[in-house]
Amino acid sequence: MANSFTMRRRKREVLLRICGVIDLCAGVILFLLGLALMAVGTWQGIVAFLCFPLVLWAGTLMTWSRVYANPQGIVTTSNRPHRAKRNDIAAIDIRRSDFGQIKQVVPFVRLKNGKSFKLLPLCLSSGQSVAPQFRDQRREMLDRQLKLVEELRSVLGVGGSNYSED
């Protein structure tokens, strides 16, 4: 059985999954409504039919965005799913990455062939300047992220380097 990892708090995770299921249902309704309206010959049917893949994609992401690991390998289910066998993994590193203007602290799976991929469900925002009242909360979240990555490393039996603040 695979261990499941996510940075979300339990209450937020349940809420996100409920919203994801609602989104999936809305996608199915959009699909059926689009077909019905296209059969009648209205342009709204085409719009509804064209929007349903986006709604289904968003619902799927909200419902199943996680990292699964077992001694045989790792699978990440996010907007860019990845899969790697244990024998192909060199290390799991935590480093800082830019997502446009937002800085994130992200675990990367480094493969033996030189490629790597991000474990996006385990990333944290790390803004340049953090207000003093939020520094403890940020440090707590970074510690939680490190703990999750250490557990992930132990499940897979690999090492790696950790992010350190300058």
N, C-alpha and C. Protein backbone atom coordinates (compact mmCIF):
# COMPACT_ATOMS: atom_id res chain seq x y z
N MET A 1 0.83 -1.19 0.00
CA MET A 1 0.00 0.00 0.00
C MET A 1 0.88 1.25 0.00
N ALA A 2 0.51 2.24 -0.77
CA ALA A 2 1.29 3.46 -0.91
C ALA A 2 0.93 4.47 0.17
N ASN A 3 1.94 5.19 0.65
CA ASN A 3 1.72 6.29 1.57
C ASN A 3 1.34 7.51 0.76
N SER A 4 0.45 8.34 1.30
CA SER A 4 -0.02 9.53 0.62
C SER A 4 0.49 10.76 1.35
N PHE A 5 0.98 11.76 0.59
CA PHE A 5 1.56 12.95 1.18
C PHE A 5 0.94 14.20 0.57
N THR A 6 0.64 15.19 1.41
CA THR A 6 0.17 16.49 0.96
C THR A 6 0.48 17.51 2.04
N MET A 7 0.69 18.77 1.66
CA MET A 7 0.99 19.81 2.64
C MET A 7 -0.26 20.43 3.23
N ARG A 8 -1.40 20.15 2.67
CA ARG A 8 -2.63 20.78 3.15
C ARG A 8 -3.03 20.28 4.53
N ARG A 9 -3.64 21.16 5.26
CA ARG A 9 -4.20 20.75 6.55
C ARG A 9 -5.44 19.91 6.30
N ARG A 10 -5.78 19.06 7.23
CA ARG A 10 -6.88 18.11 7.06
C ARG A 10 -8.20 18.79 6.70
N LYS A 11 -8.55 19.86 7.42
CA LYS A 11 -9.81 20.55 7.17
C LYS A 11 -9.82 21.15 5.75
N ARG A 12 -8.70 21.75 5.36
CA ARG A 12 -8.60 22.35 4.03
C ARG A 12 -8.63 21.27 2.95
N GLU A 13 -8.01 20.14 3.23
CA GLU A 13 -7.98 19.04 2.27
C GLU A 13 -9.39 18.49 2.02
N VAL A 14 -10.16 18.32 3.09
CA VAL A 14 -11.54 17.81 2.94
C VAL A 14 -12.37 18.82 2.15
N LEU A 15 -12.23 20.10 2.47
CA LEU A 15 -12.98 21.14 1.75
C LEU A 15 -12.60 21.16 0.28
N LEU A 16 -11.31 21.03 -0.02
CA LEU A 16 -10.85 21.03 -1.40
C LEU A 16 -11.38 19.82 -2.16
N ARG A 17 -11.42 18.67 -1.51
CA ARG A 17 -11.96 17.48 -2.16
C ARG A 17 -13.46 17.60 -2.42
N ILE A 18 -14.19 18.20 -1.48
CA ILE A 18 -15.63 18.42 -1.69
C ILE A 18 -15.84 19.35 -2.87
N CYS A 19 -15.06 20.44 -2.94
CA CYS A 19 -15.16 21.36 -4.07
C CYS A 19 -14.79 20.66 -5.37
N GLY A 20 -13.81 19.77 -5.32
CA GLY A 20 -13.42 19.02 -6.50
C GLY A 20 -14.53 18.12 -7.00
N VAL A 21 -15.21 17.44 -6.09
CA VAL A 21 -16.32 16.57 -6.47
C VAL A 21 -17.46 17.41 -7.06
N ILE A 22 -17.74 18.56 -6.45
CA ILE A 22 -18.77 19.46 -7.00
C ILE A 22 -18.37 19.91 -8.40
N ASP A 23 -17.09 20.22 -8.58
CA ASP A 23 -16.59 20.63 -9.89
C ASP A 23 -16.71 19.51 -10.91
N LEU A 24 -16.42 18.29 -10.50
CA LEU A 24 -16.56 17.14 -11.41
C LEU A 24 -18.02 16.96 -11.83
N CYS A 25 -18.92 17.09 -10.87
CA CYS A 25 -20.36 16.99 -11.19
C CYS A 25 -20.79 18.12 -12.13
N ALA A 26 -20.29 19.32 -11.88
CA ALA A 26 -20.61 20.45 -12.76
C ALA A 26 -20.08 20.21 -14.17
N GLY A 27 -18.92 19.57 -14.27
CA GLY A 27 -18.37 19.24 -15.59
C GLY A 27 -19.25 18.28 -16.35
N VAL A 28 -19.77 17.27 -15.67
CA VAL A 28 -20.67 16.31 -16.32
C VAL A 28 -21.96 17.01 -16.74
N ILE A 29 -22.48 17.88 -15.87
CA ILE A 29 -23.71 18.62 -16.20
C ILE A 29 -23.47 19.54 -17.40
N LEU A 30 -22.31 20.21 -17.43
CA LEU A 30 -21.98 21.07 -18.57
C LEU A 30 -21.92 20.27 -19.87
N PHE A 31 -21.34 19.07 -19.78
CA PHE A 31 -21.25 18.22 -20.95
C PHE A 31 -22.64 17.86 -21.47
N LEU A 32 -23.51 17.40 -20.58
CA LEU A 32 -24.86 17.00 -20.99
C LEU A 32 -25.68 18.20 -21.47
N LEU A 33 -25.55 19.32 -20.76
CA LEU A 33 -26.26 20.53 -21.15
C LEU A 33 -25.76 21.02 -22.51
N GLY A 34 -24.44 20.95 -22.70
CA GLY A 34 -23.88 21.36 -23.99
C GLY A 34 -24.39 20.52 -25.13
N LEU A 35 -24.45 19.19 -24.91
CA LEU A 35 -24.98 18.32 -25.96
C LEU A 35 -26.44 18.63 -26.26
N ALA A 36 -27.23 18.84 -25.20
CA ALA A 36 -28.66 19.13 -25.39
C ALA A 36 -28.86 20.46 -26.12
N LEU A 37 -28.10 21.47 -25.72
CA LEU A 37 -28.25 22.78 -26.37
C LEU A 37 -27.71 22.77 -27.80
N MET A 38 -26.68 21.97 -28.07
CA MET A 38 -26.17 21.88 -29.44
C MET A 38 -27.18 21.16 -30.32
N ALA A 39 -27.90 20.19 -29.75
CA ALA A 39 -28.93 19.48 -30.52
C ALA A 39 -30.04 20.44 -30.94
N VAL A 40 -30.32 21.41 -30.06
CA VAL A 40 -31.34 22.41 -30.38
C VAL A 40 -30.79 23.43 -31.37
N GLY A 41 -29.46 23.59 -31.38
CA GLY A 41 -28.83 24.50 -32.34
C GLY A 41 -28.48 25.86 -31.79
N THR A 42 -28.26 25.99 -30.48
CA THR A 42 -27.89 27.28 -29.91
C THR A 42 -26.38 27.38 -29.70
N TRP A 43 -25.88 28.61 -29.72
CA TRP A 43 -24.45 28.82 -29.52
C TRP A 43 -24.05 28.56 -28.07
N GLN A 44 -24.95 28.69 -27.12
CA GLN A 44 -24.64 28.43 -25.71
C GLN A 44 -24.25 26.98 -25.51
N GLY A 45 -24.80 26.09 -26.30
CA GLY A 45 -24.43 24.67 -26.21
C GLY A 45 -22.98 24.45 -26.58
N ILE A 46 -22.50 25.17 -27.58
CA ILE A 46 -21.09 25.05 -27.99
C ILE A 46 -20.19 25.57 -26.88
N VAL A 47 -20.56 26.70 -26.27
CA VAL A 47 -19.76 27.26 -25.18
C VAL A 47 -19.72 26.30 -23.99
N ALA A 48 -20.86 25.76 -23.62
CA ALA A 48 -20.92 24.82 -22.49
C ALA A 48 -20.10 23.57 -22.81
N PHE A 49 -20.21 23.09 -24.04
CA PHE A 49 -19.48 21.89 -24.44
C PHE A 49 -17.97 22.14 -24.45
N LEU A 50 -17.55 23.35 -24.83
CA LEU A 50 -16.12 23.67 -24.86
C LEU A 50 -15.55 23.93 -23.46
N CYS A 51 -16.40 24.34 -22.52
CA CYS A 51 -15.94 24.64 -21.15
C CYS A 51 -15.82 23.40 -20.27
N PHE A 52 -16.54 22.34 -20.58
CA PHE A 52 -16.56 21.20 -19.67
C PHE A 52 -15.20 20.55 -19.45
N PRO A 53 -14.29 20.47 -20.45
CA PRO A 53 -12.98 19.86 -20.15
C PRO A 53 -12.19 20.65 -19.09
N LEU A 54 -12.29 21.97 -19.13
CA LEU A 54 -11.59 22.80 -18.14
C LEU A 54 -12.16 22.57 -16.74
N VAL A 55 -13.46 22.48 -16.64
CA VAL A 55 -14.10 22.25 -15.35
C VAL A 55 -13.74 20.86 -14.81
N LEU A 56 -13.73 19.85 -15.68
CA LEU A 56 -13.34 18.50 -15.26
C LEU A 56 -11.88 18.46 -14.82
N TRP A 57 -11.01 19.15 -15.55
CA TRP A 57 -9.58 19.20 -15.20
C TRP A 57 -9.41 19.83 -13.82
N ALA A 58 -10.08 20.95 -13.56
CA ALA A 58 -9.97 21.63 -12.27
C ALA A 58 -10.50 20.75 -11.14
N GLY A 59 -11.61 20.08 -11.38
CA GLY A 59 -12.18 19.19 -10.36
C GLY A 59 -11.27 18.02 -10.06
N THR A 60 -10.67 17.47 -11.10
CA THR A 60 -9.73 16.36 -10.91
C THR A 60 -8.52 16.82 -10.11
N LEU A 61 -8.00 17.99 -10.43
CA LEU A 61 -6.84 18.52 -9.71
C LEU A 61 -7.16 18.73 -8.23
N MET A 62 -8.32 19.31 -7.95
CA MET A 62 -8.69 19.56 -6.55
C MET A 62 -8.91 18.27 -5.78
N THR A 63 -9.43 17.26 -6.46
CA THR A 63 -9.79 16.02 -5.78
C THR A 63 -8.59 15.12 -5.54
N TRP A 64 -7.66 15.03 -6.49
CA TRP A 64 -6.61 14.03 -6.39
C TRP A 64 -5.19 14.58 -6.44
N SER A 65 -4.93 15.81 -6.06
CA SER A 65 -3.58 16.37 -6.09
C SER A 65 -2.80 15.92 -4.86
N ARG A 66 -1.97 14.87 -5.04
CA ARG A 66 -1.22 14.27 -3.93
C ARG A 66 0.07 13.66 -4.46
N VAL A 67 0.89 13.21 -3.52
CA VAL A 67 2.10 12.44 -3.84
C VAL A 67 1.94 11.08 -3.17
N TYR A 68 2.09 10.01 -3.94
CA TYR A 68 2.00 8.65 -3.42
C TYR A 68 3.36 8.00 -3.53
N ALA A 69 3.79 7.33 -2.45
CA ALA A 69 5.09 6.67 -2.47
C ALA A 69 5.01 5.33 -1.76
N ASN A 70 5.77 4.38 -2.27
CA ASN A 70 5.98 3.09 -1.62
C ASN A 70 7.40 2.65 -1.95
N PRO A 71 7.90 1.59 -1.38
CA PRO A 71 9.28 1.19 -1.65
C PRO A 71 9.58 0.91 -3.13
N GLN A 72 8.57 0.73 -3.95
CA GLN A 72 8.81 0.47 -5.37
C GLN A 72 8.93 1.75 -6.20
N GLY A 73 8.39 2.88 -5.72
CA GLY A 73 8.47 4.11 -6.50
C GLY A 73 7.59 5.22 -5.98
N ILE A 74 7.47 6.26 -6.80
CA ILE A 74 6.73 7.46 -6.42
C ILE A 74 5.85 7.90 -7.59
N VAL A 75 4.66 8.42 -7.26
CA VAL A 75 3.73 8.95 -8.25
C VAL A 75 3.22 10.27 -7.71
N THR A 76 3.22 11.31 -8.55
CA THR A 76 2.62 12.57 -8.15
C THR A 76 1.43 12.84 -9.06
N THR A 77 0.32 13.17 -8.46
CA THR A 77 -0.89 13.47 -9.22
C THR A 77 -1.20 14.93 -9.04
N SER A 78 -0.80 15.71 -10.00
CA SER A 78 -1.08 17.14 -9.99
C SER A 78 -1.31 17.54 -11.44
N ASN A 79 -1.19 18.83 -11.75
CA ASN A 79 -1.44 19.24 -13.13
C ASN A 79 -0.46 18.62 -14.12
N ARG A 80 0.74 18.22 -13.66
CA ARG A 80 1.70 17.47 -14.47
C ARG A 80 2.07 16.21 -13.72
N PRO A 81 1.34 15.13 -13.92
CA PRO A 81 1.63 13.90 -13.18
C PRO A 81 2.97 13.30 -13.60
N HIS A 82 3.66 12.73 -12.63
CA HIS A 82 4.94 12.06 -12.87
C HIS A 82 4.95 10.73 -12.13
N ARG A 83 5.77 9.83 -12.63
CA ARG A 83 5.92 8.52 -12.03
C ARG A 83 7.39 8.14 -12.16
N ALA A 84 7.97 7.58 -11.09
CA ALA A 84 9.36 7.12 -11.14
C ALA A 84 9.51 5.87 -10.29
N LYS A 85 10.24 4.91 -10.81
CA LYS A 85 10.54 3.70 -10.05
C LYS A 85 11.66 3.99 -9.07
N ARG A 86 11.70 3.25 -7.98
CA ARG A 86 12.70 3.45 -6.94
C ARG A 86 14.12 3.36 -7.49
N ASN A 87 14.38 2.43 -8.40
CA ASN A 87 15.72 2.27 -8.94
C ASN A 87 16.18 3.45 -9.78
N ASP A 88 15.24 4.27 -10.25
CA ASP A 88 15.58 5.43 -11.09
C ASP A 88 15.81 6.70 -10.28
N ILE A 89 15.48 6.69 -8.98
CA ILE A 89 15.56 7.90 -8.15
C ILE A 89 16.94 8.00 -7.50
N ALA A 90 17.60 9.15 -7.72
CA ALA A 90 18.90 9.40 -7.09
C ALA A 90 18.70 10.06 -5.72
N ALA A 91 17.83 11.06 -5.63
CA ALA A 91 17.63 11.78 -4.37
C ALA A 91 16.35 12.60 -4.45
N ILE A 92 15.92 13.08 -3.28
CA ILE A 92 14.82 14.03 -3.20
C ILE A 92 15.36 15.27 -2.51
N ASP A 93 15.43 16.37 -3.25
CA ASP A 93 16.00 17.62 -2.75
C ASP A 93 14.89 18.63 -2.51
N ILE A 94 15.11 19.50 -1.53
CA ILE A 94 14.21 20.63 -1.32
C ILE A 94 14.99 21.87 -1.73
N ARG A 95 14.44 22.63 -2.67
CA ARG A 95 15.10 23.86 -3.09
C ARG A 95 14.07 24.91 -3.44
N ARG A 96 14.56 26.10 -3.64
CA ARG A 96 13.70 27.23 -3.96
C ARG A 96 13.50 27.29 -5.46
N SER A 97 12.29 27.59 -5.89
CA SER A 97 11.97 27.65 -7.31
C SER A 97 11.07 28.86 -7.56
N ASP A 98 11.20 29.45 -8.74
CA ASP A 98 10.37 30.59 -9.10
C ASP A 98 9.17 30.14 -9.91
N PHE A 99 7.99 30.58 -9.50
CA PHE A 99 6.77 30.39 -10.26
C PHE A 99 6.31 31.79 -10.65
N GLY A 100 6.89 32.32 -11.70
CA GLY A 100 6.63 33.71 -12.06
C GLY A 100 7.26 34.60 -11.01
N GLN A 101 6.48 35.42 -10.37
CA GLN A 101 7.01 36.30 -9.34
C GLN A 101 6.87 35.71 -7.94
N ILE A 102 6.31 34.54 -7.84
CA ILE A 102 6.12 33.90 -6.54
C ILE A 102 7.25 32.91 -6.31
N LYS A 103 7.92 33.04 -5.17
CA LYS A 103 8.98 32.10 -4.79
C LYS A 103 8.34 30.95 -4.04
N GLN A 104 8.75 29.73 -4.36
CA GLN A 104 8.22 28.54 -3.70
C GLN A 104 9.37 27.69 -3.18
N VAL A 105 9.13 26.99 -2.09
CA VAL A 105 10.07 25.99 -1.59
C VAL A 105 9.48 24.65 -2.01
N VAL A 106 10.19 23.94 -2.92
CA VAL A 106 9.63 22.78 -3.59
C VAL A 106 10.54 21.57 -3.47
N PRO A 107 10.00 20.41 -3.10
CA PRO A 107 10.79 19.18 -3.19
C PRO A 107 10.90 18.75 -4.67
N PHE A 108 12.08 18.36 -5.07
CA PHE A 108 12.35 17.86 -6.41
C PHE A 108 12.79 16.41 -6.31
N VAL A 109 12.31 15.57 -7.20
CA VAL A 109 12.82 14.20 -7.31
C VAL A 109 13.90 14.26 -8.38
N ARG A 110 15.13 13.97 -7.98
CA ARG A 110 16.25 13.95 -8.92
C ARG A 110 16.47 12.51 -9.36
N LEU A 111 16.40 12.30 -10.67
CA LEU A 111 16.55 10.96 -11.22
C LEU A 111 18.00 10.70 -11.59
N LYS A 112 18.36 9.44 -11.70
CA LYS A 112 19.74 9.05 -12.02
C LYS A 112 20.14 9.44 -13.44
N ASN A 113 19.17 9.62 -14.33
CA ASN A 113 19.48 10.01 -15.70
C ASN A 113 19.69 11.52 -15.85
N GLY A 114 19.67 12.27 -14.73
CA GLY A 114 19.90 13.71 -14.76
C GLY A 114 18.63 14.55 -14.80
N LYS A 115 17.51 13.96 -15.09
CA LYS A 115 16.25 14.69 -15.11
C LYS A 115 15.71 14.84 -13.69
N SER A 116 14.75 15.75 -13.54
CA SER A 116 14.11 15.92 -12.24
C SER A 116 12.69 16.42 -12.46
N PHE A 117 11.86 16.25 -11.44
CA PHE A 117 10.51 16.79 -11.49
C PHE A 117 10.12 17.26 -10.10
N LYS A 118 9.19 18.24 -10.09
CA LYS A 118 8.74 18.85 -8.85
C LYS A 118 7.61 18.04 -8.24
N LEU A 119 7.61 18.00 -6.92
CA LEU A 119 6.48 17.41 -6.19
C LEU A 119 5.57 18.57 -5.77
N LEU A 120 4.79 19.06 -6.71
CA LEU A 120 3.99 20.27 -6.49
C LEU A 120 3.00 20.19 -5.33
N PRO A 121 2.38 19.04 -5.03
CA PRO A 121 1.49 19.03 -3.87
C PRO A 121 2.21 19.26 -2.54
N LEU A 122 3.54 19.22 -2.53
CA LEU A 122 4.29 19.44 -1.30
C LEU A 122 5.02 20.77 -1.28
N CYS A 123 4.69 21.70 -2.19
CA CYS A 123 5.42 22.97 -2.23
C CYS A 123 4.80 23.99 -1.28
N LEU A 124 5.65 24.94 -0.86
CA LEU A 124 5.24 26.01 0.04
C LEU A 124 5.61 27.35 -0.54
N SER A 125 4.80 28.35 -0.30
CA SER A 125 5.14 29.70 -0.70
C SER A 125 6.20 30.24 0.25
N SER A 126 7.20 30.94 -0.31
CA SER A 126 8.23 31.53 0.54
C SER A 126 8.52 32.93 0.03
N GLY A 127 7.68 33.85 0.40
CA GLY A 127 7.84 35.22 -0.06
C GLY A 127 9.16 35.83 0.38
N GLN A 128 9.62 36.85 -0.36
CA GLN A 128 10.89 37.49 -0.07
C GLN A 128 10.92 38.06 1.34
N SER A 129 9.91 38.85 1.65
CA SER A 129 9.87 39.44 2.99
C SER A 129 8.64 38.92 3.71
N VAL A 130 8.86 38.42 4.89
CA VAL A 130 7.76 37.88 5.68
C VAL A 130 7.59 38.76 6.91
N ALA A 131 6.36 39.19 7.15
CA ALA A 131 6.08 40.02 8.31
C ALA A 131 6.45 39.26 9.58
N PRO A 132 6.95 39.97 10.60
CA PRO A 132 7.38 39.30 11.83
C PRO A 132 6.34 38.39 12.46
N GLN A 133 5.07 38.77 12.40
CA GLN A 133 4.03 37.95 13.03
C GLN A 133 3.80 36.63 12.29
N PHE A 134 4.27 36.52 11.04
CA PHE A 134 4.09 35.29 10.27
C PHE A 134 5.35 34.44 10.17
N ARG A 135 6.47 34.91 10.71
CA ARG A 135 7.72 34.15 10.60
C ARG A 135 7.65 32.81 11.32
N ASP A 136 7.04 32.78 12.49
CA ASP A 136 6.92 31.52 13.23
C ASP A 136 6.04 30.53 12.49
N GLN A 137 4.95 31.02 11.92
CA GLN A 137 4.05 30.16 11.16
C GLN A 137 4.77 29.62 9.92
N ARG A 138 5.55 30.47 9.26
CA ARG A 138 6.29 30.04 8.08
C ARG A 138 7.33 28.99 8.45
N ARG A 139 8.03 29.21 9.55
CA ARG A 139 9.05 28.26 10.01
C ARG A 139 8.39 26.92 10.35
N GLU A 140 7.21 26.98 10.97
CA GLU A 140 6.47 25.76 11.30
C GLU A 140 6.08 24.99 10.04
N MET A 141 5.63 25.69 9.00
CA MET A 141 5.27 25.04 7.75
C MET A 141 6.50 24.45 7.06
N LEU A 142 7.63 25.17 7.09
CA LEU A 142 8.86 24.63 6.50
C LEU A 142 9.32 23.38 7.26
N ASP A 143 9.16 23.39 8.58
CA ASP A 143 9.51 22.21 9.37
C ASP A 143 8.58 21.03 9.03
N ARG A 144 7.29 21.33 8.83
CA ARG A 144 6.34 20.28 8.44
C ARG A 144 6.70 19.72 7.07
N GLN A 145 7.08 20.61 6.15
CA GLN A 145 7.48 20.16 4.81
C GLN A 145 8.72 19.27 4.90
N LEU A 146 9.69 19.67 5.69
CA LEU A 146 10.91 18.88 5.86
C LEU A 146 10.60 17.51 6.46
N LYS A 147 9.70 17.49 7.43
CA LYS A 147 9.30 16.22 8.06
C LYS A 147 8.64 15.29 7.04
N LEU A 148 7.74 15.84 6.20
CA LEU A 148 7.10 15.04 5.16
C LEU A 148 8.12 14.50 4.15
N VAL A 149 9.06 15.36 3.76
CA VAL A 149 10.06 14.93 2.78
C VAL A 149 10.98 13.88 3.39
N GLU A 150 11.33 14.02 4.67
CA GLU A 150 12.15 13.00 5.34
C GLU A 150 11.41 11.66 5.39
N GLU A 151 10.11 11.71 5.67
CA GLU A 151 9.31 10.48 5.68
C GLU A 151 9.26 9.87 4.27
N LEU A 152 9.10 10.72 3.28
CA LEU A 152 9.09 10.27 1.89
C LEU A 152 10.43 9.63 1.52
N ARG A 153 11.52 10.26 1.93
CA ARG A 153 12.86 9.70 1.67
C ARG A 153 13.03 8.34 2.35
N SER A 154 12.53 8.22 3.58
CA SER A 154 12.69 6.95 4.28
C SER A 154 11.85 5.84 3.65
N VAL A 155 10.66 6.18 3.15
CA VAL A 155 9.83 5.18 2.46
C VAL A 155 10.55 4.67 1.22
N LEU A 156 11.19 5.60 0.48
CA LEU A 156 11.87 5.22 -0.75
C LEU A 156 13.30 4.74 -0.53
N GLY A 157 13.87 5.07 0.63
CA GLY A 157 15.25 4.68 0.90
C GLY A 157 16.27 5.49 0.13
N VAL A 158 16.00 6.80 0.00
CA VAL A 158 16.93 7.69 -0.71
C VAL A 158 17.31 8.85 0.20
N GLY A 159 18.34 9.58 -0.18
CA GLY A 159 18.78 10.76 0.55
C GLY A 159 18.39 12.01 -0.21
N GLY A 160 19.05 13.12 0.14
CA GLY A 160 18.80 14.38 -0.56
C GLY A 160 19.26 15.55 0.26
N SER A 161 19.18 16.72 -0.34
CA SER A 161 19.59 17.94 0.36
C SER A 161 18.35 18.75 0.71
N ASN A 162 18.49 19.58 1.74
CA ASN A 162 17.38 20.38 2.24
C ASN A 162 17.58 21.86 1.92
N TYR A 163 16.49 22.57 1.78
CA TYR A 163 16.50 24.00 1.58
C TYR A 163 16.94 24.67 2.87
N SER A 164 17.82 25.66 2.75
CA SER A 164 18.18 26.44 3.93
C SER A 164 17.99 27.90 3.62
N GLU A 165 17.41 28.62 4.55
CA GLU A 165 17.17 30.05 4.34
C GLU A 165 18.48 30.80 4.49
N ASP A 166 18.64 31.81 3.62
CA ASP A 166 19.88 32.62 3.64
C ASP A 166 19.91 33.57 4.80
